[in-house]
Amino acid sequence: MASPVGSHEEKAPLVSNALPHPQKPKDCTRDVYILSLSFLLIFLAYGAAQNLQSTLNTERNLGTISLGILYSSFTLFSLVSSLIVRVFGSNNALVLGTTGYWVFVAANLKPNWHTMVPASLYLGFSASIIWVGQGTYLTSTARDHARYWNLPEAAVIGHFNGIFWAIYALNQFVGNLLTFALLKNGQDGTTSNTTSLFTVFLCVISLGAILMCFMSQRSGNNMGDDEPSDTGVSAYSSLKSLFESLASALSDVRMLLVVPLITYSGLQQAFVWAEFTKHIVTPALGVSGVGIAMAVYGAFDGISSLTAGRLTSGLPSITSIVCVGGFVQAITFILLLLDISIASGRLNTLYLLFMASLLGIGDGVLNTQLNALLGMLFKHDTEGAFAQLKIWQSASIAMVFFLSPHVSLQEMLLIVITSLCLSFGSFLFLTLKVAKE
C-alpha cells in the first residue's frame, strides 16, 4: 500500500523492516520463549476460567452471555488496537493487555451481572491489545532473527509460530489439570472450591505479567524505538494510517479469500469452549471432567502446533498441513453430529477424550498456519493483516456465545461444518491464485 502524502511519520508500521544490522548475530529465540511462557501463564488461568463459564455461571446464561459481550468488545476494539500498540510500543502494550485477564478472573470470585459485564467489556479491550502486540512482536522477532542469521524468513516465521503456539497451547493442559485437581475434591462448583481456584489463577496471571518485563525491546513506531509517542499529530497520523491499512488489507483479494478460514478458526474454538464442554463433556464426566477433557485438548493442541510449525516452509506446506487439520476436525464434527457413542463407563470416557484430542489437533494446525500465512502474504502490511485476523476471529467467537442459548447442539454442528466446507474451498482457491502469481 502506498504511503499517504505527507511526512514519514504518516506511516508508522508496527513491524520494522529496516533495523540496523548488528556487528554480531543475535539469537532472538530467548524472547520467543519468554513471550510464550508469559502467555502460557496468563492463558492457563484465563482459558480454564473461560471453559467453566457455561457450566458454573448458569443463572440467566450469565457465563455464555458475558463471553459473548467479551468477544463483541474484542471485535470492536480490534479496529483501533493497532494504533494503541503503535503509540505505547509492543512491549508496553503486552503488559497493559494482561490487566484485563486479571480483572476478568477476579470478577469470577463474585460472579453477577454487575461484575462480569464490565469485566468482559474491559477484557475485550485488553485482549485486542495483547494479541495484536503478540502478532507484531513475534513477527518482528522472527524477521530480526532471519536477518541476523541470513535464514529464509518464511521458515523462521513458521518455526517461531510453532514454538509459540505449542507452548501457548499447553495452557489448556496445565490450567485444566489444575481445575480438575481443585474441583474434584468435594462437590463440583462449590463456592470454597471455586474461590481457591480463581485465587490461584490471579497469582499465576500476575507472574506472567512480570515475566513479560524481561523481553527485549522491539522497534514499533515512527520514532525508531519502542517508546510511546505522545504528540497529537503523530496519533492523528497513526489513526489515519491505521484505517487506510485496514481498508487496504480488506480490499486485497488474498485477504478476502483467507477471511472465511479465519472465521472458521474462531467458530471451532468457541464450539469447544461453549458447546463441547457443556453438552458433551459435562453430562458424561461432570464439571471437574471439563478440566481433564480440556487438558487432553490442550496437550494435543500443543503437540500439533509444534509439529506444524517445524514443517512449515512456504505456501505448499501450509496448504498440506491445513488440509490435514481440516480433515481431522471434519471427521470429529460428523461423529458428534451423528451422535455416535459407545458403551458407558471408562470406554465412553476414553472416547470423549479421543474426540477432544482430535479437536485439539485441528486447532493447533489452524493457529500456527494462519499466523504464518498472514506473516508471509502481508509482510508490507502486517498490522492490518493481524488486525483483520482478530476482528473476524473474535466476531465469530462472539456469535457462537450469543447463539449458544438459543440453538441446539446439532444446529451448531451444522453451522460449524458448513463454515468448514466454505472456508476450505476459499483457502484452496487462494493457494491456486498465489501459486499462479
Protein backbone atom coordinates (compact mmCIF):
# COMPACT_ATOMS: atom_id res chain seq x y z
CA MET A 1 0.00 0.00 0.00
CA ALA A 2 1.39 3.36 -0.94
CA SER A 3 2.15 5.73 1.91
CA PRO A 4 -0.16 8.72 2.36
CA VAL A 5 1.10 12.06 1.10
CA GLY A 6 2.98 13.82 3.88
CA SER A 7 5.88 13.28 6.23
CA HIS A 8 7.43 9.93 7.06
CA GLU A 9 5.54 9.70 10.35
CA GLU A 10 2.29 9.35 8.38
CA LYS A 11 3.10 5.66 8.09
CA ALA A 12 4.42 4.02 11.22
CA PRO A 13 4.50 0.25 10.74
CA LEU A 14 4.23 -1.94 13.80
CA VAL A 15 6.86 -4.31 12.41
CA SER A 16 10.08 -2.66 11.39
CA ASN A 17 11.64 -3.81 8.13
CA ALA A 18 14.74 -1.62 8.29
CA LEU A 19 16.53 -2.36 11.53
CA PRO A 20 20.26 -1.74 11.64
CA HIS A 21 22.37 -4.85 11.22
CA PRO A 22 24.37 -5.54 14.41
CA GLN A 23 28.01 -6.40 14.37
CA LYS A 24 27.39 -9.80 15.97
CA PRO A 25 24.48 -12.11 15.10
CA LYS A 26 21.80 -12.11 17.77
CA ASP A 27 19.79 -15.15 18.84
CA CYS A 28 16.21 -13.95 19.22
CA THR A 29 14.79 -17.27 20.40
CA ARG A 30 15.16 -16.15 24.05
CA ASP A 31 12.44 -13.55 23.53
CA VAL A 32 10.21 -16.10 21.82
CA TYR A 33 10.42 -18.41 24.84
CA ILE A 34 9.79 -15.58 27.32
CA LEU A 35 6.78 -14.39 25.31
CA SER A 36 5.47 -17.94 25.03
CA LEU A 37 5.90 -18.72 28.73
CA SER A 38 4.19 -15.45 29.69
CA PHE A 39 1.19 -16.28 27.52
CA LEU A 40 1.15 -19.82 28.93
CA LEU A 41 0.85 -18.49 32.48
CA ILE A 42 -1.78 -15.87 31.64
CA PHE A 43 -3.94 -18.10 29.50
CA LEU A 44 -3.76 -21.23 31.62
CA ALA A 45 -5.67 -19.16 34.17
CA TYR A 46 -7.99 -17.39 31.74
CA GLY A 47 -8.57 -20.42 29.49
CA ALA A 48 -9.63 -22.64 32.38
CA ALA A 49 -11.91 -19.88 33.71
CA GLN A 50 -13.44 -19.45 30.25
CA ASN A 51 -14.12 -23.18 29.90
CA LEU A 52 -16.11 -23.10 33.15
CA GLN A 53 -18.33 -20.14 32.28
CA SER A 54 -21.09 -22.14 30.59
CA THR A 55 -21.19 -24.68 33.44
CA LEU A 56 -20.65 -22.55 36.58
CA ASN A 57 -22.35 -19.23 35.78
CA THR A 58 -25.64 -20.63 34.53
CA GLU A 59 -28.11 -18.15 36.04
CA ARG A 60 -29.86 -16.49 33.07
CA ASN A 61 -26.94 -17.73 30.93
CA LEU A 62 -24.58 -15.27 32.64
CA GLY A 63 -21.48 -17.21 31.61
CA THR A 64 -22.17 -17.53 27.89
CA ILE A 65 -23.61 -14.01 27.57
CA SER A 66 -20.63 -12.46 29.34
CA LEU A 67 -18.32 -14.28 26.91
CA GLY A 68 -20.42 -13.02 24.01
CA ILE A 69 -20.04 -9.47 25.34
CA LEU A 70 -16.31 -10.07 25.77
CA TYR A 71 -15.73 -11.11 22.17
CA SER A 72 -18.02 -8.40 20.81
CA SER A 73 -15.89 -5.87 22.69
CA PHE A 74 -12.80 -7.65 21.36
CA THR A 75 -14.10 -7.23 17.80
CA LEU A 76 -14.78 -3.50 18.16
CA PHE A 77 -11.52 -2.64 19.89
CA SER A 78 -9.55 -4.66 17.33
CA LEU A 79 -10.33 -1.81 14.91
CA VAL A 80 -8.07 0.53 16.88
CA SER A 81 -5.77 -1.92 18.70
CA SER A 82 -3.01 -1.43 16.14
CA LEU A 83 -2.96 2.30 16.89
CA ILE A 84 -2.74 1.64 20.63
CA VAL A 85 0.14 -0.80 20.15
CA ARG A 86 1.89 1.71 17.89
CA VAL A 87 1.52 4.52 20.43
CA PHE A 88 2.51 2.51 23.52
CA GLY A 89 5.00 0.18 21.86
CA SER A 90 4.54 -3.56 21.61
CA ASN A 91 6.28 -4.37 24.91
CA ASN A 92 4.23 -1.90 26.96
CA ALA A 93 1.04 -2.92 25.15
CA LEU A 94 1.63 -6.57 26.01
CA VAL A 95 1.94 -5.77 29.72
CA LEU A 96 -1.12 -3.49 29.62
CA GLY A 97 -3.10 -6.23 27.93
CA THR A 98 -2.60 -8.59 30.87
CA THR A 99 -4.67 -6.36 33.19
CA GLY A 100 -7.94 -7.33 31.51
CA TYR A 101 -7.38 -11.02 32.19
CA TRP A 102 -6.65 -10.28 35.84
CA VAL A 103 -9.87 -8.26 36.17
CA PHE A 104 -11.98 -10.95 34.46
CA VAL A 105 -10.71 -13.75 36.69
CA ALA A 106 -11.17 -11.54 39.76
CA ALA A 107 -14.80 -10.93 38.74
CA ASN A 108 -15.40 -14.68 38.91
CA LEU A 109 -14.78 -14.56 42.66
CA LYS A 110 -18.21 -12.91 42.91
CA PRO A 111 -19.94 -13.56 39.57
CA ASN A 112 -23.02 -11.46 38.85
CA TRP A 113 -24.18 -9.06 36.15
CA HIS A 114 -22.56 -6.08 37.89
CA THR A 115 -19.10 -7.67 37.95
CA MET A 116 -18.98 -9.93 34.88
CA VAL A 117 -20.31 -7.49 32.26
CA PRO A 118 -17.86 -4.62 32.99
CA ALA A 119 -15.01 -7.12 33.33
CA SER A 120 -15.94 -8.68 29.98
CA LEU A 121 -16.03 -5.28 28.26
CA TYR A 122 -12.61 -4.35 29.62
CA LEU A 123 -11.13 -7.73 28.76
CA GLY A 124 -12.27 -7.26 25.16
CA PHE A 125 -10.23 -4.06 25.06
CA SER A 126 -7.21 -5.68 26.71
CA ALA A 127 -7.36 -8.81 24.56
CA SER A 128 -7.31 -6.78 21.35
CA ILE A 129 -4.13 -5.05 22.52
CA ILE A 130 -2.30 -8.14 23.76
CA TRP A 131 -3.00 -10.20 20.62
CA VAL A 132 -2.04 -7.53 18.10
CA GLY A 133 1.03 -6.90 20.26
CA GLN A 134 1.81 -10.62 20.24
CA GLY A 135 1.49 -10.99 16.47
CA THR A 136 3.56 -7.87 15.88
CA TYR A 137 6.27 -8.74 18.40
CA LEU A 138 6.62 -12.36 17.28
CA THR A 139 6.76 -11.48 13.58
CA SER A 140 9.29 -8.71 14.23
CA THR A 141 11.42 -11.11 16.27
CA ALA A 142 11.32 -13.73 13.51
CA ARG A 143 12.32 -11.19 10.85
CA ASP A 144 15.17 -9.92 13.01
CA HIS A 145 16.40 -13.45 13.59
CA ALA A 146 16.21 -14.29 9.88
CA ARG A 147 18.11 -11.11 9.02
CA TYR A 148 20.80 -11.62 11.65
CA TRP A 149 21.49 -15.22 10.64
CA ASN A 150 20.74 -14.92 6.91
CA LEU A 151 17.93 -17.50 7.07
CA PRO A 152 14.76 -17.85 4.95
CA GLU A 153 12.21 -15.52 6.50
CA ALA A 154 9.18 -17.78 5.85
CA ALA A 155 10.82 -20.74 7.57
CA VAL A 156 11.78 -18.68 10.64
CA ILE A 157 8.28 -17.19 10.92
CA GLY A 158 6.79 -20.68 10.74
CA HIS A 159 9.28 -22.08 13.25
CA PHE A 160 8.78 -19.26 15.77
CA ASN A 161 4.99 -19.53 15.44
CA GLY A 162 5.29 -23.26 16.04
CA ILE A 163 7.27 -22.67 19.25
CA PHE A 164 4.86 -20.02 20.50
CA TRP A 165 1.63 -21.88 19.76
CA ALA A 166 2.98 -25.17 21.09
CA ILE A 167 3.88 -23.60 24.45
CA TYR A 168 0.73 -21.46 24.46
CA ALA A 169 -1.48 -24.50 23.80
CA LEU A 170 -0.18 -26.09 26.99
CA ASN A 171 -2.33 -23.55 28.86
CA GLN A 172 -5.31 -25.82 28.25
CA PHE A 173 -3.36 -28.82 29.56
CA VAL A 174 -1.89 -27.22 32.69
CA GLY A 175 -4.81 -24.93 33.52
CA ASN A 176 -7.45 -27.61 33.21
CA LEU A 177 -5.44 -30.17 35.16
CA LEU A 178 -5.30 -27.55 37.91
CA THR A 179 -9.06 -27.11 37.60
CA PHE A 180 -9.59 -30.85 37.82
CA ALA A 181 -7.36 -31.13 40.89
CA LEU A 182 -9.06 -28.29 42.80
CA LEU A 183 -12.65 -29.16 41.89
CA LYS A 184 -12.57 -32.94 42.11
CA ASN A 185 -12.44 -32.95 45.94
CA GLY A 186 -15.89 -32.26 47.23
CA GLN A 187 -18.93 -31.11 45.28
CA ASP A 188 -18.17 -29.65 41.85
CA GLY A 189 -18.51 -25.91 41.67
CA THR A 190 -18.92 -25.16 45.40
CA THR A 191 -18.05 -21.63 46.50
CA SER A 192 -14.98 -22.66 48.50
CA ASN A 193 -13.53 -24.69 45.63
CA THR A 194 -14.03 -22.01 43.00
CA THR A 195 -12.67 -19.28 45.29
CA SER A 196 -9.46 -21.21 45.78
CA LEU A 197 -9.21 -21.92 42.06
CA PHE A 198 -9.65 -18.31 40.95
CA THR A 199 -7.29 -17.03 43.67
CA VAL A 200 -4.56 -19.30 42.33
CA PHE A 201 -5.34 -18.09 38.82
CA LEU A 202 -4.86 -14.44 39.87
CA CYS A 203 -1.40 -15.22 41.21
CA VAL A 204 -0.45 -17.03 38.01
CA ILE A 205 -1.56 -14.12 35.79
CA SER A 206 0.48 -11.71 37.90
CA LEU A 207 3.56 -13.89 37.41
CA GLY A 208 3.04 -13.91 33.65
CA ALA A 209 2.79 -10.13 33.53
CA ILE A 210 6.04 -9.77 35.49
CA LEU A 211 7.83 -12.16 33.15
CA MET A 212 6.91 -10.01 30.13
CA CYS A 213 9.05 -7.20 31.51
CA PHE A 214 12.19 -9.23 30.73
CA MET A 215 11.66 -9.31 26.95
CA SER A 216 13.96 -7.30 24.68
CA GLN A 217 12.54 -4.07 23.28
CA ARG A 218 11.38 -4.18 19.66
CA SER A 219 11.08 -1.23 17.30
CA GLY A 220 7.48 -0.48 16.58
CA ASN A 221 6.78 3.18 15.79
CA ASN A 222 7.93 6.05 13.72
CA MET A 223 10.49 7.08 16.30
CA GLY A 224 12.58 4.00 15.56
CA ASP A 225 12.23 2.51 19.02
CA ASP A 226 9.57 1.14 21.30
CA GLU A 227 8.95 4.27 23.32
CA PRO A 228 5.48 5.76 23.43
CA SER A 229 4.62 8.55 21.06
CA ASP A 230 2.92 11.49 22.78
CA THR A 231 2.26 14.03 20.05
CA GLY A 232 -1.24 14.70 18.82
CA VAL A 233 -0.07 14.96 15.23
CA SER A 234 1.60 11.56 15.43
CA ALA A 235 -1.53 9.98 16.94
CA TYR A 236 -3.73 11.51 14.26
CA SER A 237 -1.36 10.36 11.52
CA SER A 238 -1.21 6.88 13.03
CA LEU A 239 -5.01 6.69 13.22
CA LYS A 240 -5.33 7.77 9.61
CA SER A 241 -2.65 5.29 8.59
CA LEU A 242 -4.35 2.54 10.60
CA PHE A 243 -7.71 2.81 8.86
CA GLU A 244 -6.02 3.04 5.49
CA SER A 245 -4.10 -0.11 6.42
CA LEU A 246 -7.30 -1.94 7.43
CA ALA A 247 -9.10 -0.84 4.28
CA SER A 248 -6.14 -1.86 2.14
CA ALA A 249 -5.96 -5.30 3.74
CA LEU A 250 -9.67 -5.94 3.31
CA SER A 251 -9.62 -4.75 -0.32
CA ASP A 252 -6.87 -7.26 -1.10
CA VAL A 253 -8.41 -10.33 -2.76
CA ARG A 254 -5.96 -12.54 -0.85
CA MET A 255 -7.37 -11.28 2.47
CA LEU A 256 -10.93 -11.77 1.24
CA LEU A 257 -10.10 -15.38 0.44
CA VAL A 258 -8.47 -16.06 3.82
CA VAL A 259 -11.23 -14.37 5.91
CA PRO A 260 -13.53 -17.47 5.74
CA LEU A 261 -10.73 -19.60 7.21
CA ILE A 262 -10.15 -17.01 9.95
CA THR A 263 -13.89 -17.05 10.70
CA TYR A 264 -13.94 -20.83 10.88
CA SER A 265 -10.95 -20.85 13.24
CA GLY A 266 -12.98 -18.72 15.67
CA LEU A 267 -16.11 -20.85 15.28
CA GLN A 268 -14.33 -24.11 16.05
CA GLN A 269 -12.62 -22.62 19.12
CA ALA A 270 -15.88 -21.25 20.52
CA PHE A 271 -17.64 -24.54 19.80
CA VAL A 272 -15.15 -26.35 22.02
CA TRP A 273 -15.35 -23.75 24.79
CA ALA A 274 -19.15 -23.41 24.85
CA GLU A 275 -20.82 -26.44 23.25
CA PHE A 276 -18.39 -29.33 23.63
CA THR A 277 -17.78 -28.67 27.33
CA LYS A 278 -21.44 -28.03 28.17
CA HIS A 279 -23.38 -30.55 26.08
CA ILE A 280 -20.90 -33.39 25.63
CA VAL A 281 -18.31 -33.42 28.41
CA THR A 282 -20.25 -32.17 31.44
CA PRO A 283 -23.22 -34.63 31.18
CA ALA A 284 -20.79 -37.54 30.96
CA LEU A 285 -17.93 -36.51 33.25
CA GLY A 286 -19.26 -33.67 35.44
CA VAL A 287 -17.83 -30.17 35.92
CA SER A 288 -14.46 -31.46 37.10
CA GLY A 289 -14.36 -33.64 33.97
CA VAL A 290 -14.24 -30.48 31.89
CA GLY A 291 -10.77 -29.94 33.28
CA ILE A 292 -9.39 -33.33 32.25
CA ALA A 293 -11.05 -33.22 28.79
CA MET A 294 -9.68 -29.76 28.05
CA ALA A 295 -6.27 -30.82 29.36
CA VAL A 296 -6.19 -33.54 26.69
CA TYR A 297 -7.39 -30.98 24.15
CA GLY A 298 -4.56 -28.64 25.13
CA ALA A 299 -1.90 -31.34 25.08
CA PHE A 300 -2.70 -32.36 21.51
CA ASP A 301 -3.13 -28.71 20.53
CA GLY A 302 0.44 -28.08 21.69
CA ILE A 303 1.88 -31.17 20.01
CA SER A 304 0.25 -30.35 16.67
CA SER A 305 1.33 -26.69 16.91
CA LEU A 306 4.97 -27.61 17.41
CA THR A 307 4.89 -30.23 14.66
CA ALA A 308 3.07 -27.99 12.18
CA GLY A 309 5.44 -25.09 12.90
CA ARG A 310 8.51 -27.20 12.21
CA LEU A 311 7.03 -28.50 8.94
CA THR A 312 6.16 -25.01 7.66
CA SER A 313 8.44 -23.85 4.85
CA GLY A 314 6.14 -21.98 2.47
CA LEU A 315 2.66 -21.91 0.97
CA PRO A 316 2.69 -25.53 -0.34
CA SER A 317 3.49 -26.88 3.12
CA ILE A 318 0.87 -24.62 4.74
CA THR A 319 -1.74 -25.92 2.29
CA SER A 320 -0.97 -29.55 3.07
CA ILE A 321 -0.89 -29.03 6.84
CA VAL A 322 -4.16 -27.06 6.91
CA CYS A 323 -5.91 -29.72 4.81
CA VAL A 324 -4.86 -32.44 7.25
CA GLY A 325 -6.10 -30.42 10.23
CA GLY A 326 -9.39 -29.64 8.49
CA PHE A 327 -9.97 -33.29 7.63
CA VAL A 328 -9.36 -34.35 11.26
CA GLN A 329 -11.87 -31.82 12.56
CA ALA A 330 -14.43 -32.65 9.87
CA ILE A 331 -14.41 -36.30 10.94
CA THR A 332 -14.86 -35.25 14.58
CA PHE A 333 -17.81 -32.96 13.88
CA ILE A 334 -19.53 -35.60 11.75
CA LEU A 335 -19.18 -38.18 14.53
CA LEU A 336 -20.65 -35.71 17.02
CA LEU A 337 -23.48 -34.78 14.63
CA LEU A 338 -24.41 -38.43 14.09
CA ASP A 339 -24.32 -38.86 17.88
CA ILE A 340 -22.18 -41.96 17.55
CA SER A 341 -21.46 -43.23 21.02
CA ILE A 342 -20.15 -46.38 22.60
CA ALA A 343 -20.70 -48.20 25.85
CA SER A 344 -20.86 -46.14 29.01
CA GLY A 345 -18.20 -46.18 31.69
CA ARG A 346 -14.47 -45.96 31.17
CA LEU A 347 -14.70 -46.78 27.47
CA ASN A 348 -17.04 -43.84 26.89
CA THR A 349 -14.67 -41.55 28.82
CA LEU A 350 -11.78 -42.59 26.57
CA TYR A 351 -13.96 -41.93 23.52
CA LEU A 352 -14.73 -38.37 24.70
CA LEU A 353 -11.06 -37.74 25.39
CA PHE A 354 -10.24 -39.02 21.89
CA MET A 355 -12.73 -36.50 20.43
CA ALA A 356 -11.06 -33.76 22.49
CA SER A 357 -7.63 -34.75 21.15
CA LEU A 358 -8.83 -34.57 17.52
CA LEU A 359 -10.30 -31.11 18.09
CA GLY A 360 -7.01 -30.02 19.66
CA ILE A 361 -5.02 -31.22 16.66
CA GLY A 362 -7.15 -29.16 14.30
CA ASP A 363 -6.93 -26.04 16.44
CA GLY A 364 -3.14 -26.29 16.74
CA VAL A 365 -2.81 -26.54 12.96
CA LEU A 366 -5.04 -23.51 12.34
CA ASN A 367 -3.28 -21.34 14.93
CA THR A 368 0.23 -21.88 13.58
CA GLN A 369 -0.61 -21.85 9.89
CA LEU A 370 -2.92 -18.82 9.89
CA ASN A 371 -0.33 -16.69 11.67
CA ALA A 372 2.46 -17.91 9.41
CA LEU A 373 0.30 -17.38 6.32
CA LEU A 374 -0.53 -13.78 7.22
CA GLY A 375 3.08 -13.03 8.09
CA MET A 376 4.20 -14.34 4.69
CA LEU A 377 1.48 -12.88 2.45
CA PHE A 378 1.22 -9.44 4.05
CA LYS A 379 4.78 -8.62 5.10
CA HIS A 380 4.36 -4.97 3.98
CA ASP A 381 1.12 -4.51 5.94
CA THR A 382 1.48 -6.79 8.94
CA GLU A 383 -0.54 -4.62 11.33
CA GLY A 384 -3.57 -4.54 9.02
CA ALA A 385 -3.40 -8.30 8.47
CA PHE A 386 -3.22 -9.19 12.18
CA ALA A 387 -6.00 -6.71 12.96
CA GLN A 388 -8.19 -8.45 10.38
CA LEU A 389 -7.33 -11.80 11.97
CA LYS A 390 -8.58 -10.72 15.38
CA ILE A 391 -11.60 -8.78 14.07
CA TRP A 392 -13.07 -11.75 12.18
CA GLN A 393 -11.97 -14.37 14.66
CA SER A 394 -13.41 -12.60 17.70
CA ALA A 395 -16.64 -11.73 15.84
CA SER A 396 -17.25 -15.40 15.01
CA ILE A 397 -16.48 -16.43 18.61
CA ALA A 398 -18.97 -13.83 19.92
CA MET A 399 -21.62 -15.14 17.51
CA VAL A 400 -21.30 -18.66 18.93
CA PHE A 401 -21.65 -17.49 22.54
CA PHE A 402 -24.73 -15.39 21.72
CA LEU A 403 -26.32 -18.21 19.71
CA SER A 404 -25.49 -20.95 22.20
CA PRO A 405 -28.52 -20.46 24.49
CA HIS A 406 -30.91 -20.43 21.52
CA VAL A 407 -29.78 -23.25 19.22
CA SER A 408 -29.36 -26.97 19.73
CA LEU A 409 -26.07 -28.84 19.62
CA GLN A 410 -26.98 -30.36 16.25
CA GLU A 411 -27.79 -26.95 14.75
CA MET A 412 -24.48 -25.54 15.98
CA LEU A 413 -22.62 -28.51 14.50
CA LEU A 414 -24.28 -27.88 11.13
CA ILE A 415 -23.16 -24.24 11.26
CA VAL A 416 -19.57 -25.23 12.03
CA ILE A 417 -19.44 -27.93 9.34
CA THR A 418 -20.85 -25.54 6.72
CA SER A 419 -18.27 -22.93 7.68
CA LEU A 420 -15.52 -25.54 7.42
CA CYS A 421 -16.52 -26.51 3.87
CA LEU A 422 -16.79 -22.90 2.68
CA SER A 423 -13.54 -21.82 4.30
CA PHE A 424 -11.50 -24.66 2.84
CA GLY A 425 -12.91 -24.07 -0.63
CA SER A 426 -11.88 -20.42 -0.34
CA PHE A 427 -8.46 -21.35 1.05
CA LEU A 428 -7.70 -23.80 -1.75
CA PHE A 429 -8.69 -21.15 -4.30
CA LEU A 430 -6.26 -18.75 -2.57
CA THR A 431 -3.39 -21.24 -2.83
CA LEU A 432 -4.05 -21.73 -6.55
CA LYS A 433 -4.14 -17.99 -7.12
CA VAL A 434 -0.90 -17.32 -5.23
CA ALA A 435 0.81 -20.25 -6.95
CA LYS A 436 -0.05 -18.80 -10.37
CA GLU A 437 1.32 -15.41 -9.34
